Amino acid sequence: MTKKIVAESPKIRELREKIKDHGYVQDAIQRIALVLSNKLIEGRNIHERQR
């Protein structure tokens, strides 16, 4: 089986390296969870105001 050489942008290469770092991934998960929880709270507040 032959490996293909795929050109990738420097940004993709940088992200691949960051993903190997467990701390980076955990921080990203925490940021995503924070954004989602804020959206849920905003949605709840809007719903309560409509009552």
PDB file of N, CA and C in Angstrom:
ATOM      1  N   MET A   1       0.841  -1.171   0.000  1.00  0.00           N
ATOM      2  CA  MET A   1       0.000   0.000   0.000  1.00  0.00           C
ATOM      3  C   MET A   1       0.892   1.243   0.000  1.00  0.00           C
ATOM      4  N   THR A   2       0.573   2.177  -0.850  1.00  0.00           N
ATOM      5  CA  THR A   2       1.380   3.380  -0.989  1.00  0.00           C
ATOM      6  C   THR A   2       0.724   4.536  -0.248  1.00  0.00           C
ATOM      7  N   LYS A   3       1.549   5.290   0.464  1.00  0.00           N
ATOM      8  CA  LYS A   3       1.024   6.471   1.145  1.00  0.00           C
ATOM      9  C   LYS A   3       1.015   7.638   0.179  1.00  0.00           C
ATOM     10  N   LYS A   4      -0.057   8.411   0.227  1.00  0.00           N
ATOM     11  CA  LYS A   4      -0.146   9.605  -0.599  1.00  0.00           C
ATOM     12  C   LYS A   4       0.343  10.798   0.208  1.00  0.00           C
ATOM     13  N   ILE A   5       1.057  11.659  -0.443  1.00  0.00           N
ATOM     14  CA  ILE A   5       1.480  12.900   0.199  1.00  0.00           C
ATOM     15  C   ILE A   5       0.397  13.934  -0.067  1.00  0.00           C
ATOM     16  N   VAL A   6      -0.148  14.462   1.003  1.00  0.00           N
ATOM     17  CA  VAL A   6      -1.231  15.428   0.886  1.00  0.00           C
ATOM     18  C   VAL A   6      -0.720  16.775   1.367  1.00  0.00           C
ATOM     19  N   ALA A   7      -0.860  17.773   0.514  1.00  0.00           N
ATOM     20  CA  ALA A   7      -0.465  19.127   0.917  1.00  0.00           C
ATOM     21  C   ALA A   7      -1.522  19.657   1.874  1.00  0.00           C
ATOM     22  N   GLU A   8      -1.062  20.214   2.985  1.00  0.00           N
ATOM     23  CA  GLU A   8      -2.012  20.789   3.924  1.00  0.00           C
ATOM     24  C   GLU A   8      -1.544  22.178   4.307  1.00  0.00           C
ATOM     25  N   SER A   9      -2.493  22.996   4.617  1.00  0.00           N
ATOM     26  CA  SER A   9      -2.160  24.375   4.955  1.00  0.00           C
ATOM     27  C   SER A   9      -1.447  24.428   6.303  1.00  0.00           C
ATOM     28  N   PRO A  10      -0.689  25.475   6.531  1.00  0.00           N
ATOM     29  CA  PRO A  10      -0.018  25.628   7.829  1.00  0.00           C
ATOM     30  C   PRO A  10      -1.011  25.655   8.992  1.00  0.00           C
ATOM     31  N   LYS A  11      -2.187  26.213   8.763  1.00  0.00           N
ATOM     32  CA  LYS A  11      -3.211  26.279   9.816  1.00  0.00           C
ATOM     33  C   LYS A  11      -3.663  24.874  10.203  1.00  0.00           C
ATOM     34  N   ILE A  12      -3.902  24.020   9.210  1.00  0.00           N
ATOM     35  CA  ILE A  12      -4.308  22.638   9.480  1.00  0.00           C
ATOM     36  C   ILE A  12      -3.203  21.915  10.239  1.00  0.00           C
ATOM     37  N   ARG A  13      -1.967  22.103   9.823  1.00  0.00           N
ATOM     38  CA  ARG A  13      -0.832  21.474  10.496  1.00  0.00           C
ATOM     39  C   ARG A  13      -0.755  21.939  11.951  1.00  0.00           C
ATOM     40  N   GLU A  14      -0.957  23.247  12.167  1.00  0.00           N
ATOM     41  CA  GLU A  14      -0.936  23.806  13.527  1.00  0.00           C
ATOM     42  C   GLU A  14      -2.038  23.191  14.391  1.00  0.00           C
ATOM     43  N   LEU A  15      -3.239  23.070  13.839  1.00  0.00           N
ATOM     44  CA  LEU A  15      -4.351  22.484  14.594  1.00  0.00           C
ATOM     45  C   LEU A  15      -4.103  21.013  14.905  1.00  0.00           C
ATOM     46  N   ARG A  16      -3.517  20.278  13.976  1.00  0.00           N
ATOM     47  CA  ARG A  16      -3.197  18.865  14.230  1.00  0.00           C
ATOM     48  C   ARG A  16      -2.243  18.729  15.410  1.00  0.00           C
ATOM     49  N   GLU A  17      -1.255  19.609  15.491  1.00  0.00           N
ATOM     50  CA  GLU A  17      -0.307  19.580  16.603  1.00  0.00           C
ATOM     51  C   GLU A  17      -0.994  19.942  17.919  1.00  0.00           C
ATOM     52  N   LYS A  18      -1.873  20.951  17.889  1.00  0.00           N
ATOM     53  CA  LYS A  18      -2.572  21.369  19.105  1.00  0.00           C
ATOM     54  C   LYS A  18      -3.478  20.263  19.630  1.00  0.00           C
ATOM     55  N   ILE A  19      -4.134  19.547  18.716  1.00  0.00           N
ATOM     56  CA  ILE A  19      -5.058  18.491  19.118  1.00  0.00           C
ATOM     57  C   ILE A  19      -4.324  17.374  19.857  1.00  0.00           C
ATOM     58  N   LYS A  20      -3.054  17.189  19.567  1.00  0.00           N
ATOM     59  CA  LYS A  20      -2.269  16.172  20.268  1.00  0.00           C
ATOM     60  C   LYS A  20      -2.075  16.526  21.738  1.00  0.00           C
ATOM     61  N   ASP A  21      -2.227  17.808  22.072  1.00  0.00           N
ATOM     62  CA  ASP A  21      -2.063  18.283  23.450  1.00  0.00           C
ATOM     63  C   ASP A  21      -3.385  18.111  24.195  1.00  0.00           C
ATOM     64  N   HIS A  22      -3.400  17.237  25.198  1.00  0.00           N
ATOM     65  CA  HIS A  22      -4.621  16.929  25.951  1.00  0.00           C
ATOM     66  C   HIS A  22      -5.218  18.180  26.604  1.00  0.00           C
ATOM     67  N   GLY A  23      -4.381  19.052  27.129  1.00  0.00           N
ATOM     68  CA  GLY A  23      -4.855  20.276  27.781  1.00  0.00           C
ATOM     69  C   GLY A  23      -5.587  21.182  26.813  1.00  0.00           C
ATOM     70  N   TYR A  24      -5.088  21.275  25.586  1.00  0.00           N
ATOM     71  CA  TYR A  24      -5.731  22.105  24.567  1.00  0.00           C
ATOM     72  C   TYR A  24      -7.133  21.588  24.278  1.00  0.00           C
ATOM     73  N   VAL A  25      -7.253  20.279  24.150  1.00  0.00           N
ATOM     74  CA  VAL A  25      -8.555  19.672  23.864  1.00  0.00           C
ATOM     75  C   VAL A  25      -9.512  19.903  25.030  1.00  0.00           C
ATOM     76  N   GLN A  26      -9.047  19.727  26.261  1.00  0.00           N
ATOM     77  CA  GLN A  26      -9.903  19.936  27.429  1.00  0.00           C
ATOM     78  C   GLN A  26     -10.370  21.388  27.513  1.00  0.00           C
ATOM     79  N   ASP A  27      -9.469  22.329  27.243  1.00  0.00           N
ATOM     80  CA  ASP A  27      -9.852  23.746  27.256  1.00  0.00           C
ATOM     81  C   ASP A  27     -10.897  24.042  26.188  1.00  0.00           C
ATOM     82  N   ALA A  28     -10.722  23.445  25.019  1.00  0.00           N
ATOM     83  CA  ALA A  28     -11.685  23.648  23.937  1.00  0.00           C
ATOM     84  C   ALA A  28     -13.056  23.102  24.325  1.00  0.00           C
ATOM     85  N   ILE A  29     -13.084  21.944  24.956  1.00  0.00           N
ATOM     86  CA  ILE A  29     -14.349  21.350  25.403  1.00  0.00           C
ATOM     87  C   ILE A  29     -15.018  22.252  26.434  1.00  0.00           C
ATOM     88  N   GLN A  30     -14.238  22.800  27.354  1.00  0.00           N
ATOM     89  CA  GLN A  30     -14.798  23.695  28.371  1.00  0.00           C
ATOM     90  C   GLN A  30     -15.362  24.961  27.739  1.00  0.00           C
ATOM     91  N   ARG A  31     -14.665  25.512  26.735  1.00  0.00           N
ATOM     92  CA  ARG A  31     -15.169  26.717  26.060  1.00  0.00           C
ATOM     93  C   ARG A  31     -16.477  26.422  25.339  1.00  0.00           C
ATOM     94  N   ILE A  32     -16.548  25.277  24.679  1.00  0.00           N
ATOM     95  CA  ILE A  32     -17.777  24.891  23.977  1.00  0.00           C
ATOM     96  C   ILE A  32     -18.918  24.717  24.970  1.00  0.00           C
ATOM     97  N   ALA A  33     -18.658  24.052  26.094  1.00  0.00           N
ATOM     98  CA  ALA A  33     -19.692  23.842  27.113  1.00  0.00           C
ATOM     99  C   ALA A  33     -20.176  25.174  27.673  1.00  0.00           C
ATOM    100  N   LEU A  34     -19.267  26.118  27.877  1.00  0.00           N
ATOM    101  CA  LEU A  34     -19.651  27.430  28.391  1.00  0.00           C
ATOM    102  C   LEU A  34     -20.559  28.161  27.406  1.00  0.00           C
ATOM    103  N   VAL A  35     -20.206  28.127  26.130  1.00  0.00           N
ATOM    104  CA  VAL A  35     -21.029  28.783  25.112  1.00  0.00           C
ATOM    105  C   VAL A  35     -22.410  28.142  25.058  1.00  0.00           C
ATOM    106  N   LEU A  36     -22.464  26.810  25.071  1.00  0.00           N
ATOM    107  CA  LEU A  36     -23.755  26.123  25.015  1.00  0.00           C
ATOM    108  C   LEU A  36     -24.608  26.425  26.238  1.00  0.00           C
ATOM    109  N   SER A  37     -24.001  26.441  27.422  1.00  0.00           N
ATOM    110  CA  SER A  37     -24.785  26.723  28.626  1.00  0.00           C
ATOM    111  C   SER A  37     -25.292  28.159  28.603  1.00  0.00           C
ATOM    112  N   ASN A  38     -24.477  29.092  28.104  1.00  0.00           N
ATOM    113  CA  ASN A  38     -24.933  30.480  27.994  1.00  0.00           C
ATOM    114  C   ASN A  38     -26.102  30.591  27.024  1.00  0.00           C
ATOM    115  N   LYS A  39     -26.053  29.852  25.919  1.00  0.00           N
ATOM    116  CA  LYS A  39     -27.158  29.868  24.948  1.00  0.00           C
ATOM    117  C   LYS A  39     -28.428  29.294  25.575  1.00  0.00           C
ATOM    118  N   LEU A  40     -28.292  28.232  26.367  1.00  0.00           N
ATOM    119  CA  LEU A  40     -29.458  27.649  27.029  1.00  0.00           C
ATOM    120  C   LEU A  40     -30.073  28.638  28.014  1.00  0.00           C
ATOM    121  N   ILE A  41     -29.231  29.335  28.760  1.00  0.00           N
ATOM    122  CA  ILE A  41     -29.729  30.322  29.724  1.00  0.00           C
ATOM    123  C   ILE A  41     -30.418  31.467  28.994  1.00  0.00           C
ATOM    124  N   GLU A  42     -29.812  31.947  27.900  1.00  0.00           N
ATOM    125  CA  GLU A  42     -30.432  33.014  27.115  1.00  0.00           C
ATOM    126  C   GLU A  42     -31.790  32.569  26.590  1.00  0.00           C
ATOM    127  N   GLY A  43     -31.856  31.351  26.076  1.00  0.00           N
ATOM    128  CA  GLY A  43     -33.116  30.832  25.545  1.00  0.00           C
ATOM    129  C   GLY A  43     -34.173  30.726  26.624  1.00  0.00           C
ATOM    130  N   ARG A  44     -33.780  30.299  27.816  1.00  0.00           N
ATOM    131  CA  ARG A  44     -34.715  30.184  28.933  1.00  0.00           C
ATOM    132  C   ARG A  44     -35.221  31.568  29.338  1.00  0.00           C
ATOM    133  N   ASN A  45     -34.325  32.550  29.395  1.00  0.00           N
ATOM    134  CA  ASN A  45     -34.717  33.905  29.775  1.00  0.00           C
ATOM    135  C   ASN A  45     -35.680  34.510  28.762  1.00  0.00           C
ATOM    136  N   ILE A  46     -35.438  34.289  27.495  1.00  0.00           N
ATOM    137  CA  ILE A  46     -36.339  34.799  26.453  1.00  0.00           C
ATOM    138  C   ILE A  46     -37.700  34.137  26.583  1.00  0.00           C
ATOM    139  N   HIS A  47     -37.707  32.827  26.826  1.00  0.00           N
ATOM    140  CA  HIS A  47     -38.959  32.089  26.960  1.00  0.00           C
ATOM    141  C   HIS A  47     -39.754  32.591  28.169  1.00  0.00           C
ATOM    142  N   GLU A  48     -39.067  32.857  29.288  1.00  0.00           N
ATOM    143  CA  GLU A  48     -39.748  33.334  30.496  1.00  0.00           C
ATOM    144  C   GLU A  48     -40.315  34.731  30.296  1.00  0.00           C
ATOM    145  N   ARG A  49     -39.644  35.575  29.525  1.00  0.00           N
ATOM    146  CA  ARG A  49     -40.151  36.935  29.267  1.00  0.00           C
ATOM    147  C   ARG A  49     -41.411  36.906  28.417  1.00  0.00           C
ATOM    148  N   GLN A  50     -41.560  35.887  27.586  1.00  0.00           N
ATOM    149  CA  GLN A  50     -42.710  35.802  26.692  1.00  0.00           C
ATOM    150  C   GLN A  50     -43.971  35.370  27.423  1.00  0.00           C
ATOM    151  N   ARG A  51     -43.836  34.901  28.642  1.00  0.00           N
ATOM    152  CA  ARG A  51     -45.010  34.426  29.389  1.00  0.00           C
ATOM    153  C   ARG A  51     -45.841  35.557  29.877  1.00  0.00           C
TER     154      ARG A  51
END
